[in-house]
């Protein structure tokens, strides 16, 4: 990947900012902003929120556009992390994104003779399926455009028939395919690489997928989003949730989410993105909602682009009895029962007259069996060990009901656009 120094990145970001001032939205947002000459000045540039994108982009508004809406592609986020945002890229900007993604694909070890099953969802303005098609053209491989719009059992059957060597999809779909393979007692004999995007695959889910699909290697297709494009890429030497920053196309800042000041190397903070390759609808200092840690070490591969490690979403926890509980604790607990239970689950929290219900629903291939019910009971007890606030809440009456339920594979609600499962549904009064 091409490399820019931090000074070169700031200089390019300032150029994008000056172009952005041509748009009504940024002209007003930056009306009190002085001249930006260096990184210290750059930190004074106001942040961009997801709500800003929702309210000021096509079709609601064209105020973020720096030119006419022509010769472009319109796409959208799925809205799984909030309100859906519409993104406009010129065809040239779209091609740049796809070329960078294709280069990242090659770095994962994908070859021209690989059979690549594209299991992303098409339609609804979601760009992933189209983007993977372009990525395969730039990066290499034989494209199997299966998609996940069809019934998952049919997806599984088509994969068995055509025997892909590479699968690209969401983590939720990878877990679902592993669940079906486990139920079927089938291991894919030629599957070299499973590449995911859209959200991070946990260590527990990775082990589950490797065990039951038989895949040799699991890597992130990229750290990317519809509203920002590719923000990180992996090489064969990258560890779990670790990415190279594509310095030529993205300026990445990691800041304290409360003070918005840069964190030190080795500390965890909120990811802020400025796209250096987009000027039709600029994205400048965007709070994308992810947490990450900037790493001090260089990658053994010799790539000069810096490394960072993702550390979850800014909202992937909840408050219980004065403590903040991570959804990762629930995922680790479910993984202890993955011989029976799926790694696809949903945690629902709700208030009833100042008392709380906690309902964890986990998918299962044989949800009516005694084995499944025993696993659910074991998981319920294990979570009370890992999250003592649950046991305390039950004892003092703060928690009205605490259940672990099992349901059939595919029964949990998926986002109709992205196919993701929302891990936490918090219905409590804020």
Protein backbone atom coordinates (compact mmCIF):
# COMPACT_ATOMS: atom_id res chain seq x y z
CA UNK A 1 0.00 0.00 0.00
CA UNK A 2 1.11 3.57 -0.65
CA UNK A 3 2.33 5.52 2.37
CA UNK A 4 2.02 9.17 3.40
CA UNK A 5 3.78 10.73 6.38
CA UNK A 6 1.60 12.41 9.00
CA UNK A 7 2.65 15.82 7.71
CA UNK A 8 1.68 14.84 4.16
CA UNK A 9 -1.65 13.52 5.41
CA UNK A 10 -2.47 16.76 7.22
CA UNK A 11 -1.56 18.76 4.10
CA UNK A 12 -3.92 16.62 2.00
CA UNK A 13 -6.64 16.84 4.65
CA UNK A 14 -6.41 20.64 4.59
CA UNK A 15 -6.90 20.57 0.81
CA UNK A 16 -10.04 18.46 1.27
CA UNK A 17 -11.26 20.86 3.95
CA UNK A 18 -10.86 23.86 1.63
CA UNK A 19 -12.86 22.08 -1.08
CA UNK A 20 -15.49 21.15 1.53
CA UNK A 21 -16.06 24.85 2.29
CA UNK A 22 -17.73 25.09 -1.14
CA UNK A 23 -20.68 23.12 0.20
CA UNK A 24 -23.46 24.91 2.15
CA UNK A 25 -23.12 22.51 5.08
CA UNK A 26 -19.38 22.86 5.60
CA UNK A 27 -19.38 26.61 4.81
CA UNK A 28 -21.70 27.10 7.79
CA UNK A 29 -19.97 24.51 9.99
CA UNK A 30 -16.57 26.14 9.48
CA UNK A 31 -17.65 29.81 9.43
CA UNK A 32 -15.80 30.49 12.69
CA UNK A 33 -12.83 28.25 11.90
CA UNK A 34 -9.58 30.07 11.31
CA UNK A 35 -6.78 29.08 8.94
CA UNK A 36 -5.62 25.48 9.28
CA UNK A 37 -1.87 25.12 8.69
CA UNK A 38 -0.63 22.23 10.83
CA UNK A 39 -1.77 19.35 13.03
CA UNK A 40 -2.37 21.62 16.04
CA UNK A 41 -4.74 23.72 13.93
CA UNK A 42 -6.32 20.55 12.56
CA UNK A 43 -7.43 19.49 16.05
CA UNK A 44 -9.61 22.62 16.19
CA UNK A 45 -11.67 21.48 13.20
CA UNK A 46 -15.17 20.56 14.46
CA UNK A 47 -16.10 16.87 14.51
CA UNK A 48 -18.67 15.36 12.15
CA UNK A 49 -21.43 13.17 13.63
CA UNK A 50 -23.55 10.39 12.14
CA UNK A 51 -26.56 12.65 12.57
CA UNK A 52 -24.82 15.32 10.46
CA UNK A 53 -24.58 12.79 7.63
CA UNK A 54 -28.18 11.71 8.07
CA UNK A 55 -29.61 15.24 7.94
CA UNK A 56 -27.45 16.82 5.24
CA UNK A 57 -27.05 14.17 2.56
CA UNK A 58 -29.10 13.13 -0.44
CA UNK A 59 -32.10 12.63 -0.72
CA UNK A 60 -32.92 14.69 2.40
CA UNK A 61 -30.47 17.40 1.39
CA UNK A 62 -27.62 18.15 -1.00
CA UNK A 63 -25.94 20.56 1.42
CA UNK A 64 -22.83 18.42 1.86
CA UNK A 65 -22.14 18.19 -1.88
CA UNK A 66 -19.37 20.38 -3.25
CA UNK A 67 -20.67 20.10 -6.82
CA UNK A 68 -23.66 18.90 -8.84
CA UNK A 69 -25.10 15.43 -8.33
CA UNK A 70 -23.87 13.80 -11.53
CA UNK A 71 -21.56 10.97 -12.63
CA UNK A 72 -21.75 9.36 -9.22
CA UNK A 73 -22.92 6.33 -7.26
CA UNK A 74 -25.31 6.60 -4.31
CA UNK A 75 -25.06 4.07 -1.49
CA UNK A 76 -26.19 3.82 2.10
CA UNK A 77 -25.19 2.42 5.43
CA UNK A 78 -27.55 -0.24 6.70
CA UNK A 79 -28.52 1.79 9.71
CA UNK A 80 -27.56 -1.01 12.12
CA UNK A 81 -25.56 1.45 14.25
CA UNK A 82 -28.14 4.24 14.15
CA UNK A 83 -29.95 6.14 11.45
CA UNK A 84 -28.99 5.08 7.93
CA UNK A 85 -26.72 7.55 6.13
CA UNK A 86 -26.62 8.08 2.38
CA UNK A 87 -23.23 8.44 0.72
CA UNK A 88 -22.46 9.95 -2.68
CA UNK A 89 -19.18 9.08 -4.43
CA UNK A 90 -18.08 10.19 -7.85
CA UNK A 91 -17.32 7.28 -10.16
CA UNK A 92 -13.63 8.13 -9.85
CA UNK A 93 -13.85 8.03 -6.04
CA UNK A 94 -15.71 4.70 -6.18
CA UNK A 95 -13.00 3.26 -8.44
CA UNK A 96 -10.32 4.41 -6.00
CA UNK A 97 -12.09 2.68 -3.11
CA UNK A 98 -12.42 -0.55 -5.10
CA UNK A 99 -8.77 -0.50 -6.25
CA UNK A 100 -7.56 -0.07 -2.67
CA UNK A 101 -9.90 -2.86 -1.57
CA UNK A 102 -8.59 -5.07 -4.38
CA UNK A 103 -5.02 -4.51 -3.24
CA UNK A 104 -6.05 -5.42 0.33
CA UNK A 105 -7.67 -8.59 -1.07
CA UNK A 106 -4.41 -9.63 -2.72
CA UNK A 107 -2.53 -9.06 0.53
CA UNK A 108 -4.72 -11.70 2.17
CA UNK A 109 -3.28 -14.24 -0.25
CA UNK A 110 -6.18 -14.46 -2.70
CA UNK A 111 -5.04 -15.78 -6.10
CA UNK A 112 -6.44 -15.52 -9.60
CA UNK A 113 -7.58 -19.16 -9.53
CA UNK A 114 -9.43 -18.85 -6.20
CA UNK A 115 -13.18 -19.48 -6.33
CA UNK A 116 -14.62 -16.56 -4.35
CA UNK A 117 -18.15 -16.82 -2.92
CA UNK A 118 -19.56 -13.31 -2.50
CA UNK A 119 -22.16 -13.69 0.27
CA UNK A 120 -22.84 -10.03 0.94
CA UNK A 121 -26.35 -8.64 0.59
CA UNK A 122 -27.29 -6.87 -2.64
CA UNK A 123 -29.80 -4.06 -2.98
CA UNK A 124 -31.18 -1.44 -0.56
CA UNK A 125 -28.32 0.86 -1.72
CA UNK A 126 -25.94 -1.33 0.32
CA UNK A 127 -22.55 -1.15 -1.49
CA UNK A 128 -20.83 -4.33 -0.28
CA UNK A 129 -22.01 -6.77 -2.95
CA UNK A 130 -21.14 -4.38 -5.79
CA UNK A 131 -17.88 -3.44 -4.11
CA UNK A 132 -16.77 -7.07 -3.77
CA UNK A 133 -17.48 -7.61 -7.47
CA UNK A 134 -15.18 -4.69 -8.34
CA UNK A 135 -12.65 -5.79 -5.73
CA UNK A 136 -12.37 -9.25 -7.30
CA UNK A 137 -11.79 -7.65 -10.70
CA UNK A 138 -8.94 -5.53 -9.29
CA UNK A 139 -7.59 -8.08 -6.83
CA UNK A 140 -8.13 -11.39 -8.59
CA UNK A 141 -10.26 -14.50 -8.28
CA UNK A 142 -13.24 -16.26 -9.89
CA UNK A 143 -16.44 -14.59 -8.71
CA UNK A 144 -19.40 -16.61 -7.39
CA UNK A 145 -22.05 -13.88 -6.91
CA UNK A 146 -24.30 -15.88 -4.57
CA UNK A 147 -25.36 -13.07 -2.17
CA UNK A 148 -27.22 -13.48 1.10
CA UNK A 149 -30.54 -12.25 -0.23
CA UNK A 150 -31.66 -15.84 -0.66
CA UNK A 151 -32.51 -18.38 2.03
CA UNK A 152 -29.41 -19.27 4.05
CA UNK A 153 -29.94 -22.99 3.50
CA UNK A 154 -29.73 -22.29 -0.24
CA UNK A 155 -26.55 -20.25 0.30
CA UNK A 156 -25.10 -23.22 2.15
CA UNK A 157 -26.20 -25.66 -0.58
CA UNK A 158 -24.66 -23.51 -3.33
CA UNK A 159 -21.39 -23.32 -1.42
CA UNK A 160 -21.37 -27.12 -1.10
CA UNK A 161 -22.03 -27.46 -4.83
CA UNK A 162 -19.48 -24.95 -6.13
CA UNK A 163 -16.85 -25.52 -3.41
CA UNK A 164 -15.40 -22.01 -2.97
CA UNK A 165 -11.84 -21.63 -1.79
CA UNK A 166 -12.63 -18.16 -0.43
CA UNK A 167 -15.81 -16.89 1.23
CA UNK A 168 -16.44 -13.18 1.84
CA UNK A 169 -19.37 -12.16 4.02
CA UNK A 170 -20.52 -10.76 7.37
CA UNK A 171 -19.52 -12.45 10.65
CA UNK A 172 -23.19 -13.28 11.31
CA UNK A 173 -23.38 -15.27 8.06
CA UNK A 174 -20.08 -17.05 8.75
CA UNK A 175 -21.40 -18.21 12.13
CA UNK A 176 -24.70 -19.26 10.51
CA UNK A 177 -22.88 -21.33 7.85
CA UNK A 178 -20.74 -22.93 10.56
CA UNK A 179 -23.90 -23.81 12.49
CA UNK A 180 -25.41 -25.46 9.40
CA UNK A 181 -22.18 -27.35 8.64
CA UNK A 182 -22.05 -28.55 12.23
CA UNK A 183 -25.66 -29.75 12.04
CA UNK A 184 -24.94 -31.40 8.67
CA UNK A 185 -21.67 -32.96 9.82
CA UNK A 186 -19.92 -31.51 6.77
CA UNK A 187 -16.52 -29.81 6.54
CA UNK A 188 -15.64 -27.81 3.41
CA UNK A 189 -12.54 -29.53 2.02
CA UNK A 190 -11.15 -26.70 -0.15
CA UNK A 191 -11.94 -23.60 1.89
CA UNK A 192 -8.68 -21.69 2.40
CA UNK A 193 -9.84 -18.25 3.45
CA UNK A 194 -12.92 -16.75 5.08
CA UNK A 195 -12.86 -12.96 4.90
CA UNK A 196 -15.36 -10.85 6.82
CA UNK A 197 -16.35 -7.18 6.92
CA UNK A 198 -19.05 -4.96 8.37
CA UNK A 199 -18.26 -5.79 12.01
CA UNK A 200 -15.50 -7.50 13.96
CA UNK A 201 -15.53 -11.30 14.28
CA UNK A 202 -14.82 -12.19 17.91
CA UNK A 203 -12.13 -14.69 18.92
CA UNK A 204 -14.86 -17.06 20.09
CA UNK A 205 -16.78 -16.85 16.82
CA UNK A 206 -13.53 -17.28 14.87
CA UNK A 207 -12.77 -20.52 16.69
CA UNK A 208 -16.34 -21.73 16.08
CA UNK A 209 -16.14 -21.00 12.33
CA UNK A 210 -12.73 -22.64 11.96
CA UNK A 211 -13.88 -25.74 13.78
CA UNK A 212 -17.07 -26.39 11.85
CA UNK A 213 -16.41 -24.93 8.39
CA UNK A 214 -12.88 -26.29 8.27
CA UNK A 215 -11.50 -23.01 6.91
CA UNK A 216 -7.72 -22.71 7.11
CA UNK A 217 -7.49 -18.95 7.69
CA UNK A 218 -9.91 -16.22 8.78
CA UNK A 219 -9.07 -12.60 8.03
CA UNK A 220 -10.86 -9.29 7.84
CA UNK A 221 -11.64 -8.36 4.26
CA UNK A 222 -10.99 -4.85 5.52
CA UNK A 223 -11.98 -2.49 8.25
CA UNK A 224 -14.48 -0.53 6.20
CA UNK A 225 -17.88 1.12 6.19
CA UNK A 226 -20.23 2.47 3.55
CA UNK A 227 -19.82 6.02 4.80
CA UNK A 228 -16.01 6.02 4.96
CA UNK A 229 -14.76 3.25 2.68
CA UNK A 230 -11.70 1.19 3.61
CA UNK A 231 -10.11 2.39 6.86
CA UNK A 232 -7.81 -0.54 7.56
CA UNK A 233 -6.40 -3.61 5.85
CA UNK A 234 -4.72 -6.80 7.01
CA UNK A 235 -1.64 -8.59 5.81
CA UNK A 236 -0.75 -12.22 6.66
CA UNK A 237 1.26 -10.98 9.65
CA UNK A 238 -1.56 -8.99 11.24
CA UNK A 239 -2.93 -10.43 14.46
CA UNK A 240 -6.49 -10.53 15.73
CA UNK A 241 -8.43 -7.28 15.03
CA UNK A 242 -5.17 -5.60 13.95
CA UNK A 243 -4.98 -3.47 10.81
CA UNK A 244 -2.67 -1.29 8.78
CA UNK A 245 -3.92 2.27 8.32
CA UNK A 246 -4.23 3.18 4.59
CA UNK A 247 -2.44 6.50 5.04
CA UNK A 248 -2.74 7.50 1.37
CA UNK A 249 -6.55 7.55 1.49
CA UNK A 250 -7.55 8.01 5.16
CA UNK A 251 -6.37 10.23 8.00
CA UNK A 252 -7.09 8.27 11.18
CA UNK A 253 -7.09 9.93 14.60
CA UNK A 254 -7.63 8.10 17.88
CA UNK A 255 -8.92 10.40 20.60
CA UNK A 256 -10.25 10.30 24.14
CA UNK A 257 -14.05 10.09 23.64
CA UNK A 258 -14.65 12.61 26.46
CA UNK A 259 -11.95 15.22 25.91
CA UNK A 260 -11.47 14.56 22.15
CA UNK A 261 -7.73 14.95 22.71
CA UNK A 262 -5.34 12.46 21.06
CA UNK A 263 -4.56 9.39 23.16
CA UNK A 264 -1.02 8.15 23.63
CA UNK A 265 0.38 5.18 21.74
CA UNK A 266 -0.87 2.05 23.45
CA UNK A 267 -4.00 3.71 24.84
CA UNK A 268 -7.54 3.05 23.59
CA UNK A 269 -9.69 5.81 22.16
CA UNK A 270 -12.39 6.68 19.67
CA UNK A 271 -11.66 6.44 15.94
CA UNK A 272 -11.99 9.68 13.95
CA UNK A 273 -11.87 9.47 10.15
CA UNK A 274 -11.05 11.99 7.45
CA UNK A 275 -11.21 10.66 3.90
CA UNK A 276 -8.33 11.98 1.79
CA UNK A 277 -9.80 10.59 -1.45
CA UNK A 278 -13.31 12.11 -1.35
CA UNK A 279 -14.21 15.65 -2.32
CA UNK A 280 -17.70 15.42 -3.87
CA UNK A 281 -19.19 14.72 -0.42
CA UNK A 282 -16.30 15.15 2.00
CA UNK A 283 -16.03 13.24 5.28
CA UNK A 284 -13.96 15.29 7.71
CA UNK A 285 -13.19 14.31 11.33
CA UNK A 286 -16.05 11.84 11.41
CA UNK A 287 -16.94 10.07 14.66
CA UNK A 288 -17.62 6.65 13.19
CA UNK A 289 -18.37 5.02 16.56
CA UNK A 290 -15.48 2.54 16.87
CA UNK A 291 -12.78 2.24 19.51
CA UNK A 292 -9.16 1.37 18.72
CA UNK A 293 -5.62 1.33 20.07
CA UNK A 294 -2.68 2.75 18.14
CA UNK A 295 0.20 0.26 18.32
CA UNK A 296 3.85 1.18 18.75
CA UNK A 297 5.32 -1.80 16.93
CA UNK A 298 5.97 -2.10 13.22
CA UNK A 299 4.57 -4.99 11.22
CA UNK A 300 6.98 -7.83 10.35
CA UNK A 301 5.80 -7.56 6.74
CA UNK A 302 7.74 -4.31 6.37
CA UNK A 303 4.72 -2.18 5.41
CA UNK A 304 5.43 1.36 6.70
CA UNK A 305 1.76 2.13 7.32
CA UNK A 306 1.07 2.16 11.10
CA UNK A 307 -0.86 -0.54 12.93
CA UNK A 308 -3.92 -0.20 15.13
CA UNK A 309 -6.15 -2.70 16.91
CA UNK A 310 -9.92 -2.39 17.04
CA UNK A 311 -11.44 -2.50 20.52
CA UNK A 312 -15.19 -2.68 19.90
CA UNK A 313 -17.95 -0.15 19.45
CA UNK A 314 -18.38 2.94 21.61
CA UNK A 315 -21.85 1.64 22.57
CA UNK A 316 -21.17 -2.10 23.02
CA UNK A 317 -21.77 -2.13 26.76
CA UNK A 318 -24.58 -1.43 29.17
CA UNK A 319 -24.94 -0.26 32.75
CA UNK A 320 -26.08 -2.71 35.41
CA UNK A 321 -26.07 -1.96 39.12
CA UNK A 322 -23.56 0.86 38.72
CA UNK A 323 -21.14 -1.22 36.61
CA UNK A 324 -20.57 -1.13 32.87
CA UNK A 325 -20.87 -4.62 31.37
CA UNK A 326 -19.35 -5.47 27.98
CA UNK A 327 -21.28 -7.55 25.46
CA UNK A 328 -17.97 -9.40 25.00
CA UNK A 329 -18.50 -11.11 28.38
CA UNK A 330 -21.72 -12.62 27.05
CA UNK A 331 -20.02 -13.71 23.84
CA UNK A 332 -17.25 -15.45 25.75
CA UNK A 333 -19.78 -17.22 27.95
CA UNK A 334 -21.84 -18.40 24.98
CA UNK A 335 -18.65 -19.73 23.35
CA UNK A 336 -18.16 -22.11 26.29
CA UNK A 337 -21.33 -23.91 25.13
CA UNK A 338 -20.67 -23.72 21.37
CA UNK A 339 -20.80 -27.52 21.03
CA UNK A 340 -24.56 -27.06 21.37
CA UNK A 341 -25.32 -23.34 21.01
CA UNK A 342 -24.64 -20.92 18.17
CA UNK A 343 -22.51 -17.80 18.62
CA UNK A 344 -25.42 -15.74 17.23
CA UNK A 345 -27.32 -14.24 20.16
CA UNK A 346 -29.26 -11.17 21.27
CA UNK A 347 -29.44 -9.62 24.72
CA UNK A 348 -32.64 -7.75 25.56
CA UNK A 349 -32.91 -5.36 28.53
CA UNK A 350 -36.18 -3.82 29.67
CA UNK A 351 -37.57 -1.89 32.67
CA UNK A 352 -40.81 -2.76 34.44
CA UNK A 353 -41.73 -0.31 37.22
CA UNK A 354 -38.08 0.24 38.21
CA UNK A 355 -37.27 -3.46 37.98
CA UNK A 356 -35.36 -5.02 35.15
CA UNK A 357 -35.71 -7.97 32.78
CA UNK A 358 -32.61 -9.54 31.22
CA UNK A 359 -33.39 -11.96 28.39
CA UNK A 360 -30.58 -13.63 26.44
CA UNK A 361 -31.75 -15.50 23.34
CA UNK A 362 -29.26 -17.83 21.65
CA UNK A 363 -29.79 -19.65 18.36
CA UNK A 364 -29.40 -23.42 18.36
CA UNK A 365 -29.53 -26.15 15.72
CA UNK A 366 -31.72 -28.36 17.90
CA UNK A 367 -33.37 -25.87 20.19
CA UNK A 368 -36.03 -28.27 21.52
CA UNK A 369 -33.63 -30.95 22.73
CA UNK A 370 -32.77 -31.71 26.33
CA UNK A 371 -29.14 -31.03 25.47
CA UNK A 372 -30.03 -27.49 24.34
CA UNK A 373 -32.04 -26.84 27.49
CA UNK A 374 -29.15 -28.08 29.66
CA UNK A 375 -26.76 -25.80 27.76
CA UNK A 376 -29.09 -22.83 28.29
CA UNK A 377 -29.28 -23.57 32.01
CA UNK A 378 -25.51 -23.92 32.20
CA UNK A 379 -25.04 -20.65 30.33
CA UNK A 380 -27.44 -18.88 32.69
CA UNK A 381 -25.39 -20.04 35.70
CA UNK A 382 -22.08 -19.25 34.04
CA UNK A 383 -23.14 -15.67 33.33
CA UNK A 384 -24.05 -15.16 36.98
CA UNK A 385 -20.46 -16.16 37.79
CA UNK A 386 -18.96 -13.83 35.17
CA UNK A 387 -21.35 -10.94 35.84
CA UNK A 388 -21.91 -10.94 39.62
CA UNK A 389 -24.16 -7.89 39.28
CA UNK A 390 -26.82 -10.24 37.84
CA UNK A 391 -26.84 -12.40 40.97
CA UNK A 392 -26.84 -9.35 43.24
CA UNK A 393 -29.68 -7.80 41.26
CA UNK A 394 -31.77 -10.96 41.58
CA UNK A 395 -31.11 -11.19 45.33
CA UNK A 396 -32.14 -7.60 46.07
CA UNK A 397 -35.07 -7.65 43.67
CA UNK A 398 -33.63 -5.11 41.22
CA UNK A 399 -33.78 -7.73 38.47
CA UNK A 400 -37.32 -9.04 38.02
CA UNK A 401 -36.56 -11.75 35.46
CA UNK A 402 -33.35 -13.25 34.09
CA UNK A 403 -33.63 -15.90 31.38
CA UNK A 404 -31.53 -17.65 28.78
CA UNK A 405 -33.64 -18.88 25.89
CA UNK A 406 -32.80 -20.99 22.85
CA UNK A 407 -34.39 -20.45 19.44
CA UNK A 408 -33.98 -22.05 15.98
CA UNK A 409 -31.10 -21.12 13.68
CA UNK A 410 -31.92 -17.94 11.78
CA UNK A 411 -34.78 -16.93 14.08
CA UNK A 412 -33.22 -13.81 15.63
CA UNK A 413 -34.09 -10.60 13.77
CA UNK A 414 -31.50 -9.54 11.23
CA UNK A 415 -31.09 -6.07 9.79
CA UNK A 416 -32.91 -6.46 6.44
CA UNK A 417 -30.16 -4.58 4.63
CA UNK A 418 -26.93 -5.76 6.25
CA UNK A 419 -27.97 -9.09 7.75
CA UNK A 420 -26.39 -8.17 11.10
CA UNK A 421 -27.85 -9.15 14.45
CA UNK A 422 -28.02 -6.34 16.98
CA UNK A 423 -26.27 -7.82 20.03
CA UNK A 424 -27.92 -5.55 22.60
CA UNK A 425 -31.51 -4.30 22.51
CA UNK A 426 -31.83 -1.90 25.44
CA UNK A 427 -35.49 -0.94 25.97
CA UNK A 428 -34.96 0.65 29.37
CA UNK A 429 -35.99 4.21 30.10
CA UNK A 430 -32.94 6.39 29.55
